[in-house]
Amino acid sequence: MAPTTTGQASTPGSFPRTTTPSAPALVPPAVIPPVLEIWAPDPPTWGQRMIPKGIRSAMADLGLWQEPRPLKPSYHLIQVIEVLTRYGWCQSFDFSPTGRMCIRGAQTFLESTGHVTAIDRGKAVNYLQTQLARQGVNMRFWEWNDLSSNTFRGVEATISAASDMARKNGD
């Protein structure tokens, strides 16, 4: 086997690496500090998606599985920002072919993985709609998300303001 430009040997059927390897991935600590608990969650693995919710709940009761803890609306909105930052923001799709999400797609993702309940998601939507109304926007948040004049920074600021409003109201 011939060495490549990075000094690694190539194996049959693989392509030689022609760039330098990136820095090692950061690994979250074993015990996550409370301030960092609202990280954007990893998507469920293939195995996790195949296990029905009833079985996952039974496994959680036996201590074999740890279900995500649903968050209050204010934290949910911050987590939406984290998901959009991690996976990318898009318009016109809940989930784009490249894995990016719009606001509604991020909320759907978080609800499907157990990070928010349907009730708290609804409350978060109400705070988001209220914030848009304060800004003079009279359309549903997913329609507003798709406006060509929007940028990710503007979307992020609006969601953050809605989260602040929710936090001030105790949600």
Protein backbone atom coordinates (compact mmCIF):
# COMPACT_ATOMS: atom_id res chain seq x y z
CA MET A 1 0.00 0.00 0.00
CA ALA A 2 1.33 3.39 -0.94
CA PRO A 3 1.31 6.23 1.60
CA THR A 4 -0.89 9.21 0.83
CA THR A 5 -0.16 12.88 1.34
CA THR A 6 -1.05 12.60 5.02
CA GLY A 7 1.20 9.62 5.63
CA GLN A 8 -1.65 7.10 5.95
CA ALA A 9 -1.78 3.93 3.91
CA SER A 10 -4.76 3.45 1.65
CA THR A 11 -6.72 0.24 1.71
CA PRO A 12 -8.23 -1.51 -1.28
CA GLY A 13 -11.59 0.03 -2.16
CA SER A 14 -10.93 3.25 -0.26
CA PHE A 15 -9.89 6.64 -1.47
CA PRO A 16 -6.61 8.15 -0.30
CA ARG A 17 -6.96 11.14 2.01
CA THR A 18 -5.53 14.24 0.36
CA THR A 19 -6.33 16.76 3.08
CA THR A 20 -5.15 17.02 6.63
CA PRO A 21 -7.52 15.52 9.18
CA SER A 22 -9.67 18.01 11.04
CA ALA A 23 -9.41 18.57 14.78
CA PRO A 24 -10.88 15.76 16.89
CA ALA A 25 -14.58 16.14 17.60
CA LEU A 26 -15.46 17.61 20.97
CA VAL A 27 -17.13 15.12 23.26
CA PRO A 28 -19.72 16.40 25.74
CA PRO A 29 -18.88 15.72 29.39
CA ALA A 30 -20.35 12.61 31.05
CA VAL A 31 -22.37 14.84 33.38
CA ILE A 32 -23.80 17.78 31.48
CA PRO A 33 -23.98 20.98 33.56
CA PRO A 34 -27.55 22.34 33.86
CA VAL A 35 -26.62 25.42 31.81
CA LEU A 36 -25.76 23.20 28.82
CA GLU A 37 -28.72 20.79 29.03
CA ILE A 38 -30.50 22.58 26.19
CA TRP A 39 -27.98 21.53 23.53
CA ALA A 40 -29.44 20.57 20.22
CA PRO A 41 -30.18 16.86 20.54
CA ASP A 42 -28.64 14.26 18.31
CA PRO A 43 -31.14 12.73 15.93
CA PRO A 44 -32.47 9.37 17.10
CA THR A 45 -30.45 6.44 15.82
CA TRP A 46 -31.95 3.94 13.42
CA GLY A 47 -32.40 1.49 16.30
CA GLN A 48 -34.13 4.09 18.46
CA ARG A 49 -36.58 4.95 15.67
CA MET A 50 -37.48 1.27 15.26
CA ILE A 51 -38.47 0.80 18.93
CA PRO A 52 -42.16 1.69 19.48
CA LYS A 53 -42.85 4.40 22.07
CA GLY A 54 -44.68 1.95 24.40
CA ILE A 55 -41.66 -0.33 24.54
CA ARG A 56 -39.31 2.63 25.08
CA SER A 57 -41.52 3.76 27.97
CA ALA A 58 -41.44 0.29 29.51
CA MET A 59 -37.66 0.18 29.11
CA ALA A 60 -37.43 3.60 30.79
CA ASP A 61 -39.53 2.31 33.71
CA LEU A 62 -37.06 -0.56 34.12
CA GLY A 63 -34.10 1.81 33.97
CA LEU A 64 -32.88 0.42 30.62
CA TRP A 65 -33.66 3.59 28.67
CA GLN A 66 -33.62 7.27 29.45
CA GLU A 67 -36.30 9.25 27.70
CA PRO A 68 -35.55 12.92 26.96
CA ARG A 69 -36.99 15.36 29.48
CA PRO A 70 -39.58 17.68 27.91
CA LEU A 71 -38.71 21.36 28.28
CA LYS A 72 -40.83 24.40 29.12
CA PRO A 73 -41.80 26.67 26.21
CA SER A 74 -39.04 29.24 26.92
CA TYR A 75 -36.34 26.56 26.87
CA HIS A 76 -37.98 24.85 23.91
CA LEU A 77 -37.68 28.04 21.86
CA ILE A 78 -33.99 28.34 22.77
CA GLN A 79 -33.56 24.69 21.80
CA VAL A 80 -35.20 25.45 18.43
CA ILE A 81 -32.45 28.03 17.86
CA GLU A 82 -29.83 25.43 18.82
CA VAL A 83 -31.30 22.89 16.39
CA LEU A 84 -31.40 25.45 13.56
CA THR A 85 -27.81 26.45 14.32
CA ARG A 86 -26.59 22.85 14.42
CA TYR A 87 -28.46 21.41 11.45
CA GLY A 88 -29.01 24.57 9.40
CA TRP A 89 -31.98 26.84 8.73
CA CYS A 90 -34.00 26.69 5.55
CA GLN A 91 -37.09 28.14 3.95
CA SER A 92 -39.95 26.51 2.03
CA PHE A 93 -39.39 23.08 3.62
CA ASP A 94 -39.97 21.72 7.10
CA PHE A 95 -37.01 19.42 6.37
CA SER A 96 -34.86 20.11 3.32
CA PRO A 97 -33.21 17.29 1.34
CA THR A 98 -29.86 18.34 2.83
CA GLY A 99 -31.10 18.06 6.45
CA ARG A 100 -31.77 21.73 7.15
CA MET A 101 -34.97 22.72 8.94
CA CYS A 102 -37.34 25.63 9.20
CA ILE A 103 -38.79 26.72 12.56
CA ARG A 104 -41.74 24.32 12.29
CA GLY A 105 -39.44 21.48 11.20
CA ALA A 106 -37.18 22.04 14.22
CA GLN A 107 -40.21 22.00 16.51
CA THR A 108 -41.48 18.80 14.90
CA PHE A 109 -38.05 17.22 15.31
CA LEU A 110 -37.91 18.19 19.00
CA GLU A 111 -41.44 16.93 19.65
CA SER A 112 -40.81 13.64 17.86
CA THR A 113 -37.70 13.01 19.97
CA GLY A 114 -39.51 13.81 23.24
CA HIS A 115 -37.84 17.14 23.98
CA VAL A 116 -41.15 19.02 24.14
CA THR A 117 -44.77 18.01 24.68
CA ALA A 118 -47.50 18.93 22.21
CA ILE A 119 -49.03 21.28 24.81
CA ASP A 120 -45.77 23.12 25.51
CA ARG A 121 -45.03 23.29 21.78
CA GLY A 122 -48.42 24.95 21.31
CA LYS A 123 -47.60 27.45 24.06
CA ALA A 124 -44.26 28.18 22.39
CA VAL A 125 -46.05 28.76 19.09
CA ASN A 126 -48.42 31.22 20.81
CA TYR A 127 -45.44 33.16 22.21
CA LEU A 128 -43.83 33.18 18.77
CA GLN A 129 -47.05 34.41 17.14
CA THR A 130 -47.42 37.10 19.83
CA GLN A 131 -43.85 38.28 19.19
CA LEU A 132 -44.52 38.44 15.45
CA ALA A 133 -47.70 40.47 16.11
CA ARG A 134 -45.62 42.90 18.21
CA GLN A 135 -43.36 43.30 15.18
CA GLY A 136 -46.38 44.09 12.98
CA VAL A 137 -46.42 40.70 11.22
CA ASN A 138 -49.93 39.31 10.67
CA MET A 139 -49.13 35.86 9.28
CA ARG A 140 -48.45 32.42 10.68
CA PHE A 141 -44.87 31.89 11.81
CA TRP A 142 -44.09 29.28 9.15
CA GLU A 143 -45.30 31.63 6.41
CA TRP A 144 -43.16 34.42 7.92
CA ASN A 145 -40.18 32.01 8.03
CA ASP A 146 -40.43 31.64 4.24
CA LEU A 147 -40.32 35.35 3.40
CA SER A 148 -37.42 36.08 1.07
CA SER A 149 -36.42 39.10 3.18
CA ASN A 150 -35.75 36.93 6.26
CA THR A 151 -32.28 35.95 7.39
CA PHE A 152 -31.26 33.41 10.00
CA ARG A 153 -30.15 36.22 12.34
CA GLY A 154 -33.60 37.81 12.11
CA VAL A 155 -35.33 34.49 12.74
CA GLU A 156 -33.00 33.82 15.66
CA ALA A 157 -33.71 37.26 17.19
CA THR A 158 -37.48 36.78 16.91
CA ILE A 159 -37.40 33.31 18.48
CA SER A 160 -35.11 34.62 21.25
CA ALA A 161 -37.51 37.51 21.98
CA ALA A 162 -40.42 35.03 22.13
CA SER A 163 -38.40 32.88 24.54
CA ASP A 164 -37.73 35.92 26.75
CA MET A 165 -41.46 36.69 26.76
CA ALA A 166 -42.25 33.10 27.77
CA ARG A 167 -39.64 33.16 30.54
CA LYS A 168 -41.06 36.42 31.92
CA ASN A 169 -44.50 34.76 32.05
CA GLY A 170 -43.12 31.76 33.96
CA ASP A 171 -43.19 29.36 31.02
